[in-house]
Amino acid sequence: MPTRSFAAQARADTPLGPITLAATERGLAGLWFDDQKHHPGAIEAPVDASQRWIVQALDELAGYWRDGSAPFTIALDPQGTPFQQSVWEALRGIPAGRTLSYGGLAQQLGRASAVRAVGAAIGRNPVAVIVPCHRVLGTSGSLTGYAGGLERKAALLRLEGCLL
């Protein structure tokens, strides 16, 4: 799979720690917490916090941090396989304040026997928070598997009113 080149990158502080954002000309391609699994490391792109997708992402994130319900409408351009893309798109369909199990998401995708593959694709989500992989829970409702750390997953779900 060819590597997509980024048009811009920026850093920002959030209530859950620093993030790096990366954008292409087509949309936001990445949002990673500093210590997140699968963080790409150094990004070959100019630092430009005024790039349109980065500006929109930061604006929408500011709304989200206020109460956990602000919608994300930003164009996305994450790099992944067609299967990963389908999983990430399905994640965007889980509304704020709601959760779904890994098995439920696999079933929704018509891939009920591919729970592990769905879980692996969720773990590779390159756009944290905006592509809400934090809304996927274990079968029993347990907090499992979040590349940004279970503490962040719990904090995001509390912000959205899913956890007390």
C-alpha atoms as a PDB file:
ATOM      1  CA  MET A   1       0.000   0.000   0.000  1.00  0.00           C
ATOM      2  CA  PRO A   2       1.604   3.306  -1.017  1.00  0.00           C
ATOM      3  CA  THR A   3       2.176   5.885   1.672  1.00  0.00           C
ATOM      4  CA  ARG A   4      -0.013   8.924   1.344  1.00  0.00           C
ATOM      5  CA  SER A   5       1.876  12.156   1.708  1.00  0.00           C
ATOM      6  CA  PHE A   6       0.671  14.655   4.258  1.00  0.00           C
ATOM      7  CA  ALA A   7       0.136  18.295   3.323  1.00  0.00           C
ATOM      8  CA  ALA A   8       0.443  19.578   6.892  1.00  0.00           C
ATOM      9  CA  GLN A   9       0.768  18.620  10.505  1.00  0.00           C
ATOM     10  CA  ALA A  10       0.205  20.340  13.828  1.00  0.00           C
ATOM     11  CA  ARG A  11       0.417  19.670  17.534  1.00  0.00           C
ATOM     12  CA  ALA A  12      -2.205  20.554  20.104  1.00  0.00           C
ATOM     13  CA  ASP A  13      -2.951  20.064  23.761  1.00  0.00           C
ATOM     14  CA  THR A  14      -6.178  18.344  24.776  1.00  0.00           C
ATOM     15  CA  PRO A  15      -7.732  17.481  28.140  1.00  0.00           C
ATOM     16  CA  LEU A  16      -6.375  13.938  27.603  1.00  0.00           C
ATOM     17  CA  GLY A  17      -2.851  14.904  26.565  1.00  0.00           C
ATOM     18  CA  PRO A  18      -0.972  16.235  23.555  1.00  0.00           C
ATOM     19  CA  ILE A  19      -1.945  15.153  20.058  1.00  0.00           C
ATOM     20  CA  THR A  20      -0.450  15.275  16.598  1.00  0.00           C
ATOM     21  CA  LEU A  21      -2.759  15.950  13.667  1.00  0.00           C
ATOM     22  CA  ALA A  22      -1.919  15.285  10.025  1.00  0.00           C
ATOM     23  CA  ALA A  23      -3.883  16.300   6.944  1.00  0.00           C
ATOM     24  CA  THR A  24      -3.787  15.670   3.232  1.00  0.00           C
ATOM     25  CA  GLU A  25      -5.369  17.925   0.641  1.00  0.00           C
ATOM     26  CA  ARG A  26      -8.488  15.720   0.889  1.00  0.00           C
ATOM     27  CA  GLY A  27      -9.073  15.745   4.650  1.00  0.00           C
ATOM     28  CA  LEU A  28      -7.784  14.901   8.094  1.00  0.00           C
ATOM     29  CA  ALA A  29      -5.639  11.789   7.844  1.00  0.00           C
ATOM     30  CA  GLY A  30      -4.441  11.334  11.392  1.00  0.00           C
ATOM     31  CA  LEU A  31      -4.960  12.293  15.002  1.00  0.00           C
ATOM     32  CA  TRP A  32      -2.752  10.516  17.502  1.00  0.00           C
ATOM     33  CA  PHE A  33      -2.095  10.903  21.214  1.00  0.00           C
ATOM     34  CA  ASP A  34       1.628  11.072  21.929  1.00  0.00           C
ATOM     35  CA  ASP A  35       1.938   7.625  23.508  1.00  0.00           C
ATOM     36  CA  GLN A  36      -0.693   5.908  21.382  1.00  0.00           C
ATOM     37  CA  LYS A  37       0.009   2.471  19.904  1.00  0.00           C
ATOM     38  CA  HIS A  38       0.569   2.617  16.144  1.00  0.00           C
ATOM     39  CA  HIS A  39       1.631   6.272  16.324  1.00  0.00           C
ATOM     40  CA  PRO A  40       3.468   6.904  13.037  1.00  0.00           C
ATOM     41  CA  GLY A  41       6.391   8.703  14.679  1.00  0.00           C
ATOM     42  CA  ALA A  42       7.961  11.649  12.906  1.00  0.00           C
ATOM     43  CA  ILE A  43       5.769  12.945  10.096  1.00  0.00           C
ATOM     44  CA  GLU A  44       7.254  14.331   6.904  1.00  0.00           C
ATOM     45  CA  ALA A  45       5.063  17.366   6.439  1.00  0.00           C
ATOM     46  CA  PRO A  46       5.296  21.068   7.146  1.00  0.00           C
ATOM     47  CA  VAL A  47       3.966  22.261  10.483  1.00  0.00           C
ATOM     48  CA  ASP A  48       0.945  24.366   9.553  1.00  0.00           C
ATOM     49  CA  ALA A  49      -1.766  24.846  12.161  1.00  0.00           C
ATOM     50  CA  SER A  50      -3.613  27.082   9.680  1.00  0.00           C
ATOM     51  CA  GLN A  51      -4.182  24.283   7.130  1.00  0.00           C
ATOM     52  CA  ARG A  52      -7.956  24.074   6.571  1.00  0.00           C
ATOM     53  CA  TRP A  53      -8.508  20.498   7.770  1.00  0.00           C
ATOM     54  CA  ILE A  54      -6.376  21.018  10.851  1.00  0.00           C
ATOM     55  CA  VAL A  55      -8.241  24.227  11.697  1.00  0.00           C
ATOM     56  CA  GLN A  56     -11.593  22.458  11.295  1.00  0.00           C
ATOM     57  CA  ALA A  57     -10.459  19.454  13.343  1.00  0.00           C
ATOM     58  CA  LEU A  58      -9.271  21.639  16.213  1.00  0.00           C
ATOM     59  CA  ASP A  59     -12.481  23.673  16.116  1.00  0.00           C
ATOM     60  CA  GLU A  60     -14.687  20.562  16.168  1.00  0.00           C
ATOM     61  CA  LEU A  61     -12.568  18.984  18.906  1.00  0.00           C
ATOM     62  CA  ALA A  62     -12.998  22.128  21.027  1.00  0.00           C
ATOM     63  CA  GLY A  63     -16.766  21.682  20.766  1.00  0.00           C
ATOM     64  CA  TYR A  64     -16.494  17.995  21.602  1.00  0.00           C
ATOM     65  CA  TRP A  65     -14.376  18.618  24.711  1.00  0.00           C
ATOM     66  CA  ARG A  66     -17.102  20.918  26.078  1.00  0.00           C
ATOM     67  CA  ASP A  67     -19.780  18.226  26.451  1.00  0.00           C
ATOM     68  CA  GLY A  68     -18.963  15.131  24.392  1.00  0.00           C
ATOM     69  CA  SER A  69     -21.871  15.529  22.009  1.00  0.00           C
ATOM     70  CA  ALA A  70     -20.676  17.991  19.361  1.00  0.00           C
ATOM     71  CA  PRO A  71     -20.716  16.290  15.957  1.00  0.00           C
ATOM     72  CA  PHE A  72     -17.683  15.818  13.744  1.00  0.00           C
ATOM     73  CA  THR A  73     -18.317  16.781  10.126  1.00  0.00           C
ATOM     74  CA  ILE A  74     -14.721  17.100   8.943  1.00  0.00           C
ATOM     75  CA  ALA A  75     -13.666  15.332   5.754  1.00  0.00           C
ATOM     76  CA  LEU A  76     -11.386  12.398   6.536  1.00  0.00           C
ATOM     77  CA  ASP A  77      -8.639  10.797   4.481  1.00  0.00           C
ATOM     78  CA  PRO A  78      -7.208   7.966   6.624  1.00  0.00           C
ATOM     79  CA  GLN A  79      -4.853   5.489   4.985  1.00  0.00           C
ATOM     80  CA  GLY A  80      -5.802   1.833   5.288  1.00  0.00           C
ATOM     81  CA  THR A  81      -6.932  -1.297   3.513  1.00  0.00           C
ATOM     82  CA  PRO A  82     -10.458  -1.455   2.097  1.00  0.00           C
ATOM     83  CA  PHE A  83     -11.460  -3.635   5.086  1.00  0.00           C
ATOM     84  CA  GLN A  84      -9.999  -1.162   7.581  1.00  0.00           C
ATOM     85  CA  GLN A  85     -11.748   1.684   5.769  1.00  0.00           C
ATOM     86  CA  SER A  86     -15.085  -0.127   6.075  1.00  0.00           C
ATOM     87  CA  VAL A  87     -14.562  -0.663   9.808  1.00  0.00           C
ATOM     88  CA  TRP A  88     -13.567   2.977  10.367  1.00  0.00           C
ATOM     89  CA  GLU A  89     -16.601   4.165   8.421  1.00  0.00           C
ATOM     90  CA  ALA A  90     -18.858   1.928  10.545  1.00  0.00           C
ATOM     91  CA  LEU A  91     -17.315   3.423  13.693  1.00  0.00           C
ATOM     92  CA  ARG A  92     -18.390   6.871  12.538  1.00  0.00           C
ATOM     93  CA  GLY A  93     -21.966   5.594  12.586  1.00  0.00           C
ATOM     94  CA  ILE A  94     -21.916   4.968  16.355  1.00  0.00           C
ATOM     95  CA  PRO A  95     -23.464   8.100  17.880  1.00  0.00           C
ATOM     96  CA  ALA A  96     -21.971   9.924  20.844  1.00  0.00           C
ATOM     97  CA  GLY A  97     -23.334   8.532  24.078  1.00  0.00           C
ATOM     98  CA  ARG A  98     -23.780   5.044  22.607  1.00  0.00           C
ATOM     99  CA  THR A  99     -21.552   1.981  22.577  1.00  0.00           C
ATOM    100  CA  LEU A 100     -21.375  -1.231  20.601  1.00  0.00           C
ATOM    101  CA  SER A 101     -19.529  -4.492  21.184  1.00  0.00           C
ATOM    102  CA  TYR A 102     -16.780  -5.738  18.886  1.00  0.00           C
ATOM    103  CA  GLY A 103     -19.062  -8.646  17.967  1.00  0.00           C
ATOM    104  CA  GLY A 104     -21.957  -6.291  17.317  1.00  0.00           C
ATOM    105  CA  LEU A 105     -19.833  -4.197  14.993  1.00  0.00           C
ATOM    106  CA  ALA A 106     -18.599  -7.314  13.168  1.00  0.00           C
ATOM    107  CA  GLN A 107     -22.222  -8.411  12.737  1.00  0.00           C
ATOM    108  CA  GLN A 108     -23.234  -4.967  11.516  1.00  0.00           C
ATOM    109  CA  LEU A 109     -20.488  -5.220   8.877  1.00  0.00           C
ATOM    110  CA  GLY A 110     -21.805  -8.634   7.777  1.00  0.00           C
ATOM    111  CA  ARG A 111     -18.604 -10.261   9.085  1.00  0.00           C
ATOM    112  CA  ALA A 112     -19.852 -11.917  12.293  1.00  0.00           C
ATOM    113  CA  SER A 113     -17.027 -14.471  12.289  1.00  0.00           C
ATOM    114  CA  ALA A 114     -14.350 -11.786  11.823  1.00  0.00           C
ATOM    115  CA  VAL A 115     -14.471 -10.252  15.309  1.00  0.00           C
ATOM    116  CA  ARG A 116     -10.677 -10.411  15.696  1.00  0.00           C
ATOM    117  CA  ALA A 117     -10.078  -8.807  12.302  1.00  0.00           C
ATOM    118  CA  VAL A 118     -12.585  -6.075  13.164  1.00  0.00           C
ATOM    119  CA  GLY A 119     -10.802  -5.562  16.487  1.00  0.00           C
ATOM    120  CA  ALA A 120      -7.429  -5.322  14.729  1.00  0.00           C
ATOM    121  CA  ALA A 121      -8.802  -2.739  12.278  1.00  0.00           C
ATOM    122  CA  ILE A 122     -10.253  -0.741  15.176  1.00  0.00           C
ATOM    123  CA  GLY A 123      -6.847  -0.803  16.866  1.00  0.00           C
ATOM    124  CA  ARG A 124      -5.242   0.648  13.733  1.00  0.00           C
ATOM    125  CA  ASN A 125      -7.676   3.571  13.540  1.00  0.00           C
ATOM    126  CA  PRO A 126      -5.446   6.556  12.677  1.00  0.00           C
ATOM    127  CA  VAL A 127      -7.982   9.239  13.650  1.00  0.00           C
ATOM    128  CA  ALA A 128      -8.555   8.971  17.398  1.00  0.00           C
ATOM    129  CA  VAL A 129     -11.649  10.548  18.961  1.00  0.00           C
ATOM    130  CA  ILE A 130     -13.151  11.705  15.626  1.00  0.00           C
ATOM    131  CA  VAL A 131     -13.407   8.102  14.403  1.00  0.00           C
ATOM    132  CA  PRO A 132     -14.862   6.891  17.703  1.00  0.00           C
ATOM    133  CA  CYS A 133     -13.194   3.552  18.312  1.00  0.00           C
ATOM    134  CA  HIS A 134     -13.512   4.334  22.036  1.00  0.00           C
ATOM    135  CA  ARG A 135     -17.231   3.523  21.721  1.00  0.00           C
ATOM    136  CA  VAL A 136     -16.532  -0.179  21.080  1.00  0.00           C
ATOM    137  CA  LEU A 137     -16.571  -2.394  24.165  1.00  0.00           C
ATOM    138  CA  GLY A 138     -16.054  -6.032  25.038  1.00  0.00           C
ATOM    139  CA  THR A 139     -19.041  -8.375  24.930  1.00  0.00           C
ATOM    140  CA  SER A 140     -19.800  -7.900  28.625  1.00  0.00           C
ATOM    141  CA  GLY A 141     -19.484  -4.111  28.323  1.00  0.00           C
ATOM    142  CA  SER A 142     -15.894  -4.218  29.538  1.00  0.00           C
ATOM    143  CA  LEU A 143     -13.342  -1.590  28.578  1.00  0.00           C
ATOM    144  CA  THR A 144     -10.928  -3.448  26.379  1.00  0.00           C
ATOM    145  CA  GLY A 145      -8.462  -2.524  23.687  1.00  0.00           C
ATOM    146  CA  TYR A 146      -7.852   1.149  23.105  1.00  0.00           C
ATOM    147  CA  ALA A 147      -4.637   2.210  21.370  1.00  0.00           C
ATOM    148  CA  GLY A 148      -4.687   5.479  23.316  1.00  0.00           C
ATOM    149  CA  GLY A 149      -4.908   3.671  26.663  1.00  0.00           C
ATOM    150  CA  LEU A 150      -7.861   2.455  28.694  1.00  0.00           C
ATOM    151  CA  GLU A 151      -7.747   5.554  30.915  1.00  0.00           C
ATOM    152  CA  ARG A 152      -8.425   7.737  27.875  1.00  0.00           C
ATOM    153  CA  LYS A 153     -11.137   5.401  26.633  1.00  0.00           C
ATOM    154  CA  ALA A 154     -12.883   5.632  30.007  1.00  0.00           C
ATOM    155  CA  ALA A 155     -12.494   9.431  30.047  1.00  0.00           C
ATOM    156  CA  LEU A 156     -14.000   9.750  26.559  1.00  0.00           C
ATOM    157  CA  LEU A 157     -16.939   7.522  27.484  1.00  0.00           C
ATOM    158  CA  ARG A 158     -17.503   9.516  30.700  1.00  0.00           C
ATOM    159  CA  LEU A 159     -17.466  12.745  28.688  1.00  0.00           C
ATOM    160  CA  GLU A 160     -20.164  11.275  26.425  1.00  0.00           C
ATOM    161  CA  GLY A 161     -22.226  10.072  29.392  1.00  0.00           C
ATOM    162  CA  CYS A 162     -21.663   6.345  28.783  1.00  0.00           C
ATOM    163  CA  LEU A 163     -19.770   5.779  32.050  1.00  0.00           C
ATOM    164  CA  LEU A 164     -20.348   7.297  35.437  1.00  0.00           C
END
